[in-house]
């Protein structure tokens, strides 16, 4: 089962334990990221009331009439509302599919660097829906917590590789990031899924680490491993789900695998199922040169990439062009 390859990692011993506790935690992380690219993380200190407040406000927005949401419509990688049909994640793998069965509200890095060209592309102000002012306070608080947690996870990952603890965080002084509030409504909203259509098609994430606060559902997250194929992701209500993305896999010379995953369509037996996921994508400073770690850590030497050229190409790949016929 994939669940056996996705361990629950308690951050308590990593934060406050002795050298043996920390080494044991790091070793388990290394093993899990080799197998599936996923972890469940407890002891993270995020009060569950915080994502609950975000979900309540986000749900109020998503349930508005389309005409009220339309002024906020954007394309993938921008800040605002991604409406039905805007995104097809399977295209990141070069696989054609119908658009993903979801809507999202997307936030992204918004603190300027002072470099006008970089800021114009990657650090623009976020948009907030005027109809739900109660969304902004908890999201602002959550973003600060996610940034700190992601840097802590990167320190844990560096240690798991036997590297200096700041090997990755030295490249997150002014990083880009994204937060998607993903709404997965039932079939009364999205209709009957087309063949090959998912709430999110099969893909790997693009950055370093992704931190996911998810809800349990029949039409929920699945993880792919070579050993088990597609399996339902294990769920722990106290845990955050963490996976690594393409840039981190490249950085490790494919020692670790980017966690391949998908989100199932609304289930036929519970077609009204509604889920909201909070997905925080962490990246690195713009134009970081990502070079594969050599053997014995790495297994494959990839050509070095500019992190943000790579990210932009991936975001473009999953965007469904306006006017595309998505009926077949």
Protein backbone atom coordinates (compact mmCIF):
# COMPACT_ATOMS: atom_id res chain seq x y z
CA UNK A 1 0.00 0.00 0.00
CA UNK A 2 1.15 3.54 -0.73
CA UNK A 3 0.25 4.48 2.82
CA UNK A 4 3.14 2.40 4.12
CA UNK A 5 5.47 4.50 1.97
CA UNK A 6 4.05 7.77 3.32
CA UNK A 7 5.05 7.91 6.98
CA UNK A 8 3.75 10.28 9.64
CA UNK A 9 6.65 12.51 10.67
CA UNK A 10 6.26 14.24 14.04
CA UNK A 11 8.20 17.50 14.00
CA UNK A 12 8.41 17.48 17.81
CA UNK A 13 11.59 15.35 18.01
CA UNK A 14 13.11 17.33 15.15
CA UNK A 15 12.46 20.63 16.92
CA UNK A 16 13.37 19.71 20.48
CA UNK A 17 14.98 16.26 20.51
CA UNK A 18 18.62 15.31 20.81
CA UNK A 19 20.97 14.42 17.95
CA UNK A 20 19.70 10.83 17.76
CA UNK A 21 16.06 11.93 17.55
CA UNK A 22 16.88 14.42 14.82
CA UNK A 23 18.96 11.91 12.88
CA UNK A 24 16.18 9.31 13.11
CA UNK A 25 13.63 11.81 11.81
CA UNK A 26 15.87 12.84 8.93
CA UNK A 27 16.50 9.21 7.95
CA UNK A 28 12.75 8.50 7.79
CA UNK A 29 12.25 11.56 5.62
CA UNK A 30 14.97 10.44 3.21
CA UNK A 31 13.41 6.98 2.92
CA UNK A 32 9.91 8.33 2.28
CA UNK A 33 10.99 10.85 -0.33
CA UNK A 34 12.84 8.17 -2.23
CA UNK A 35 9.74 5.96 -2.32
CA UNK A 36 6.78 8.29 -2.88
CA UNK A 37 7.83 11.92 -2.53
CA UNK A 38 5.20 12.39 0.20
CA UNK A 39 5.07 12.79 3.98
CA UNK A 40 2.39 13.38 6.56
CA UNK A 41 3.62 15.94 9.09
CA UNK A 42 2.28 16.35 12.62
CA UNK A 43 3.54 18.56 15.43
CA UNK A 44 3.49 21.50 13.01
CA UNK A 45 1.73 23.86 15.42
CA UNK A 46 -0.95 25.10 13.00
CA UNK A 47 -4.21 25.61 14.91
CA UNK A 48 -6.92 23.72 12.97
CA UNK A 49 -9.26 26.65 13.57
CA UNK A 50 -7.18 28.72 11.13
CA UNK A 51 -7.75 26.65 7.96
CA UNK A 52 -11.36 26.17 9.08
CA UNK A 53 -11.87 29.95 9.00
CA UNK A 54 -10.28 30.12 5.55
CA UNK A 55 -12.54 27.37 4.23
CA UNK A 56 -15.65 29.07 5.55
CA UNK A 57 -14.79 32.36 3.85
CA UNK A 58 -13.61 30.69 0.64
CA UNK A 59 -16.79 28.63 0.41
CA UNK A 60 -18.84 31.84 0.65
CA UNK A 61 -16.95 33.21 -2.36
CA UNK A 62 -17.08 30.08 -4.48
CA UNK A 63 -20.83 29.77 -4.00
CA UNK A 64 -21.45 33.25 -5.40
CA UNK A 65 -23.09 33.50 -8.83
CA UNK A 66 -20.61 33.27 -11.68
CA UNK A 67 -21.31 36.88 -12.67
CA UNK A 68 -19.97 38.09 -9.31
CA UNK A 69 -16.84 35.96 -9.60
CA UNK A 70 -16.08 36.79 -13.22
CA UNK A 71 -14.44 40.20 -12.52
CA UNK A 72 -11.74 38.35 -10.58
CA UNK A 73 -10.99 35.82 -13.36
CA UNK A 74 -7.29 35.28 -14.11
CA UNK A 75 -5.07 32.74 -15.84
CA UNK A 76 -2.83 30.18 -14.13
CA UNK A 77 0.02 31.80 -12.21
CA UNK A 78 -1.82 35.06 -11.60
CA UNK A 79 -3.68 36.29 -8.52
CA UNK A 80 -7.43 35.87 -8.35
CA UNK A 81 -10.14 33.43 -9.45
CA UNK A 82 -9.40 30.45 -11.66
CA UNK A 83 -12.82 29.53 -12.96
CA UNK A 84 -14.11 26.28 -14.45
CA UNK A 85 -12.03 25.08 -17.37
CA UNK A 86 -9.00 27.29 -16.66
CA UNK A 87 -6.52 24.57 -15.78
CA UNK A 88 -5.56 21.05 -16.89
CA UNK A 89 -2.69 19.76 -14.77
CA UNK A 90 -2.11 16.61 -16.82
CA UNK A 91 -0.56 18.78 -19.54
CA UNK A 92 2.46 19.26 -17.26
CA UNK A 93 3.23 15.61 -18.06
CA UNK A 94 2.43 16.07 -21.74
CA UNK A 95 -0.84 14.16 -21.40
CA UNK A 96 -3.97 15.67 -22.93
CA UNK A 97 -7.12 15.64 -20.81
CA UNK A 98 -10.32 17.61 -20.28
CA UNK A 99 -9.94 20.58 -17.87
CA UNK A 100 -9.76 19.96 -14.14
CA UNK A 101 -13.08 19.89 -12.27
CA UNK A 102 -12.39 22.66 -9.78
CA UNK A 103 -12.28 26.36 -9.13
CA UNK A 104 -9.45 28.08 -7.27
CA UNK A 105 -8.59 31.35 -5.66
CA UNK A 106 -4.87 31.92 -6.12
CA UNK A 107 -2.48 34.02 -4.08
CA UNK A 108 1.22 34.47 -4.82
CA UNK A 109 4.33 36.24 -3.55
CA UNK A 110 3.66 39.94 -3.20
CA UNK A 111 6.62 41.56 -1.41
CA UNK A 112 8.67 43.52 -3.97
CA UNK A 113 12.40 42.91 -4.30
CA UNK A 114 13.21 46.30 -5.80
CA UNK A 115 14.15 44.75 -9.14
CA UNK A 116 11.45 46.13 -11.44
CA UNK A 117 11.61 43.32 -14.00
CA UNK A 118 11.51 40.56 -11.38
CA UNK A 119 8.74 42.29 -9.43
CA UNK A 120 6.59 42.80 -12.53
CA UNK A 121 6.63 39.06 -13.22
CA UNK A 122 6.75 37.45 -9.78
CA UNK A 123 5.96 39.91 -6.96
CA UNK A 124 2.75 41.74 -7.75
CA UNK A 125 0.02 42.67 -5.24
CA UNK A 126 -2.55 40.05 -4.37
CA UNK A 127 -6.23 40.44 -5.13
CA UNK A 128 -8.82 40.00 -2.38
CA UNK A 129 -12.53 39.43 -3.07
CA UNK A 130 -14.51 42.41 -1.78
CA UNK A 131 -17.53 40.16 -1.24
CA UNK A 132 -15.79 38.20 1.53
CA UNK A 133 -13.58 40.58 3.54
CA UNK A 134 -13.34 37.93 6.26
CA UNK A 135 -10.98 35.94 4.02
CA UNK A 136 -7.99 38.27 4.31
CA UNK A 137 -7.08 38.07 8.04
CA UNK A 138 -6.83 34.27 8.31
CA UNK A 139 -5.10 33.90 4.93
CA UNK A 140 -2.51 36.51 5.91
CA UNK A 141 -1.84 34.65 9.15
CA UNK A 142 -1.75 31.29 7.38
CA UNK A 143 0.73 32.51 4.77
CA UNK A 144 3.18 33.60 7.46
CA UNK A 145 2.92 30.21 9.14
CA UNK A 146 3.38 28.35 5.85
CA UNK A 147 6.50 30.34 4.94
CA UNK A 148 8.12 29.56 8.28
CA UNK A 149 7.11 25.90 8.17
CA UNK A 150 8.39 25.48 4.61
CA UNK A 151 11.81 26.84 5.54
CA UNK A 152 11.88 24.48 8.50
CA UNK A 153 11.03 21.58 6.20
CA UNK A 154 13.82 22.60 3.82
CA UNK A 155 16.25 22.52 6.73
CA UNK A 156 15.04 19.02 7.59
CA UNK A 157 15.44 17.97 3.97
CA UNK A 158 19.00 19.29 3.80
CA UNK A 159 19.87 17.38 6.95
CA UNK A 160 18.28 14.23 5.50
CA UNK A 161 20.78 14.50 2.64
CA UNK A 162 23.73 14.99 4.98
CA UNK A 163 24.15 18.62 3.87
CA UNK A 164 24.50 21.85 5.80
CA UNK A 165 21.13 22.74 7.28
CA UNK A 166 20.92 25.93 5.20
CA UNK A 167 21.76 24.26 1.89
CA UNK A 168 18.31 25.06 0.50
CA UNK A 169 17.21 27.97 2.70
CA UNK A 170 20.17 30.04 1.59
CA UNK A 171 18.12 30.28 -1.62
CA UNK A 172 14.87 31.37 0.09
CA UNK A 173 15.80 34.84 1.28
CA UNK A 174 13.11 36.35 -0.96
CA UNK A 175 11.32 33.38 -2.51
CA UNK A 176 8.30 33.05 -4.70
CA UNK A 177 5.37 31.01 -3.43
CA UNK A 178 1.74 30.35 -4.23
CA UNK A 179 -1.36 29.51 -2.23
CA UNK A 180 -4.32 27.95 -3.99
CA UNK A 181 -7.67 27.59 -2.29
CA UNK A 182 -9.07 24.73 -4.39
CA UNK A 183 -12.83 24.18 -4.42
CA UNK A 184 -13.99 20.75 -5.53
CA UNK A 185 -17.78 20.95 -5.82
CA UNK A 186 -20.14 18.11 -6.63
CA UNK A 187 -21.65 17.09 -9.93
CA UNK A 188 -24.57 19.50 -9.55
CA UNK A 189 -21.99 22.23 -10.18
CA UNK A 190 -19.46 20.62 -12.52
CA UNK A 191 -21.68 18.12 -14.34
CA UNK A 192 -20.91 14.49 -15.07
CA UNK A 193 -17.14 14.01 -15.47
CA UNK A 194 -15.95 13.35 -19.00
CA UNK A 195 -13.76 10.30 -19.66
CA UNK A 196 -10.32 10.98 -18.24
CA UNK A 197 -11.50 14.06 -16.34
CA UNK A 198 -10.41 14.58 -12.72
CA UNK A 199 -10.74 17.27 -10.09
CA UNK A 200 -7.00 17.60 -10.73
CA UNK A 201 -5.27 15.50 -13.38
CA UNK A 202 -2.13 13.48 -12.72
CA UNK A 203 0.96 15.65 -12.27
CA UNK A 204 3.90 16.52 -10.08
CA UNK A 205 4.26 19.93 -8.47
CA UNK A 206 6.88 22.29 -9.80
CA UNK A 207 8.75 23.83 -6.87
CA UNK A 208 10.63 22.66 -3.78
CA UNK A 209 8.01 21.65 -1.20
CA UNK A 210 4.21 21.73 -1.20
CA UNK A 211 2.26 21.87 2.07
CA UNK A 212 -1.35 20.72 1.77
CA UNK A 213 -4.21 21.03 4.26
CA UNK A 214 -6.83 18.68 2.85
CA UNK A 215 -10.20 17.20 3.72
CA UNK A 216 -10.99 13.51 3.61
CA UNK A 217 -13.25 12.55 0.72
CA UNK A 218 -14.07 9.73 -1.66
CA UNK A 219 -13.14 12.02 -4.55
CA UNK A 220 -9.87 12.95 -2.88
CA UNK A 221 -6.12 12.74 -3.25
CA UNK A 222 -4.37 9.75 -4.77
CA UNK A 223 -0.61 9.12 -4.84
CA UNK A 224 1.30 7.15 -7.46
CA UNK A 225 4.30 4.96 -6.68
CA UNK A 226 6.14 2.48 -8.86
CA UNK A 227 5.45 -0.27 -6.36
CA UNK A 228 1.71 0.24 -5.90
CA UNK A 229 0.43 2.33 -8.79
CA UNK A 230 -2.42 4.68 -7.80
CA UNK A 231 -3.55 4.46 -4.17
CA UNK A 232 -5.70 6.68 -1.97
CA UNK A 233 -3.44 9.00 0.01
CA UNK A 234 -3.33 8.22 3.73
CA UNK A 235 -5.17 10.72 5.86
CA UNK A 236 -4.59 11.95 9.40
CA UNK A 237 -6.77 14.86 10.58
CA UNK A 238 -3.88 16.16 12.69
CA UNK A 239 -1.40 16.08 9.82
CA UNK A 240 -0.45 18.28 6.92
CA UNK A 241 0.42 16.48 3.69
CA UNK A 242 3.84 17.44 2.33
CA UNK A 243 5.34 16.53 -1.03
CA UNK A 244 8.36 17.63 -3.00
CA UNK A 245 8.20 19.10 -6.48
CA UNK A 246 10.23 18.94 -9.66
CA UNK A 247 12.86 21.48 -8.67
CA UNK A 248 13.70 19.60 -5.48
CA UNK A 249 13.84 16.28 -7.33
CA UNK A 250 16.23 17.81 -9.87
CA UNK A 251 18.28 19.35 -7.07
CA UNK A 252 18.74 15.91 -5.47
CA UNK A 253 19.74 14.32 -8.75
CA UNK A 254 16.57 12.20 -8.63
CA UNK A 255 17.51 10.64 -5.30
CA UNK A 256 14.06 11.85 -4.32
CA UNK A 257 11.03 11.66 -6.56
CA UNK A 258 8.61 14.48 -7.12
CA UNK A 259 5.36 13.22 -5.60
CA UNK A 260 3.05 12.28 -8.47
CA UNK A 261 -0.61 12.71 -7.57
CA UNK A 262 -4.13 13.44 -8.75
CA UNK A 263 -7.52 14.28 -7.24
CA UNK A 264 -10.38 11.99 -8.16
CA UNK A 265 -13.60 13.31 -9.75
CA UNK A 266 -16.77 13.63 -7.67
CA UNK A 267 -17.66 10.06 -6.68
CA UNK A 268 -20.71 8.47 -8.28
CA UNK A 269 -22.03 7.24 -4.91
CA UNK A 270 -21.72 10.68 -3.25
CA UNK A 271 -22.05 13.10 -6.17
CA UNK A 272 -22.73 16.09 -3.91
CA UNK A 273 -19.36 15.75 -2.11
CA UNK A 274 -17.69 19.15 -1.69
CA UNK A 275 -14.08 19.57 -0.58
CA UNK A 276 -11.76 22.56 -0.16
CA UNK A 277 -7.99 22.15 -0.11
CA UNK A 278 -5.41 24.74 0.95
CA UNK A 279 -2.30 24.17 -1.17
CA UNK A 280 0.89 26.12 -0.42
CA UNK A 281 3.58 25.87 -3.08
CA UNK A 282 7.06 26.95 -1.96
CA UNK A 283 9.77 27.76 -4.42
CA UNK A 284 13.03 29.71 -4.06
CA UNK A 285 14.58 33.04 -4.89
CA UNK A 286 13.98 34.13 -8.49
CA UNK A 287 16.51 32.78 -10.95
CA UNK A 288 18.17 30.35 -8.56
CA UNK A 289 20.49 28.04 -10.49
CA UNK A 290 19.34 24.52 -9.64
CA UNK A 291 22.14 22.00 -10.15
CA UNK A 292 21.88 18.29 -9.38
CA UNK A 293 23.77 17.14 -6.32
CA UNK A 294 26.52 14.75 -7.41
CA UNK A 295 26.91 11.11 -6.42
CA UNK A 296 26.75 9.55 -3.91
CA UNK A 297 23.73 11.76 -3.04
CA UNK A 298 22.35 12.15 -6.53
CA UNK A 299 21.68 9.40 -9.06
CA UNK A 300 21.14 11.42 -12.25
CA UNK A 301 22.89 14.60 -13.36
CA UNK A 302 20.34 16.94 -14.93
CA UNK A 303 21.32 20.00 -16.90
CA UNK A 304 21.24 23.03 -14.59
CA UNK A 305 18.07 25.08 -14.85
CA UNK A 306 17.06 28.61 -13.99
CA UNK A 307 14.38 27.96 -11.37
CA UNK A 308 11.95 30.58 -12.59
CA UNK A 309 12.34 29.95 -16.29
CA UNK A 310 11.45 26.36 -15.43
CA UNK A 311 8.46 27.38 -13.30
CA UNK A 312 7.08 29.74 -15.95
CA UNK A 313 7.22 27.01 -18.61
CA UNK A 314 5.31 24.62 -16.33
CA UNK A 315 2.64 27.19 -15.48
CA UNK A 316 2.16 27.92 -19.16
CA UNK A 317 1.81 24.21 -19.94
CA UNK A 318 -1.16 23.65 -17.63
CA UNK A 319 -3.08 26.77 -18.68
CA UNK A 320 -6.11 26.11 -20.88
CA UNK A 321 -6.18 28.87 -23.51
CA UNK A 322 -9.24 31.10 -23.56
CA UNK A 323 -11.78 29.97 -26.10
CA UNK A 324 -10.69 26.33 -26.04
CA UNK A 325 -13.53 23.89 -26.71
CA UNK A 326 -13.61 21.70 -23.61
CA UNK A 327 -16.78 19.77 -24.41
CA UNK A 328 -15.04 16.64 -25.65
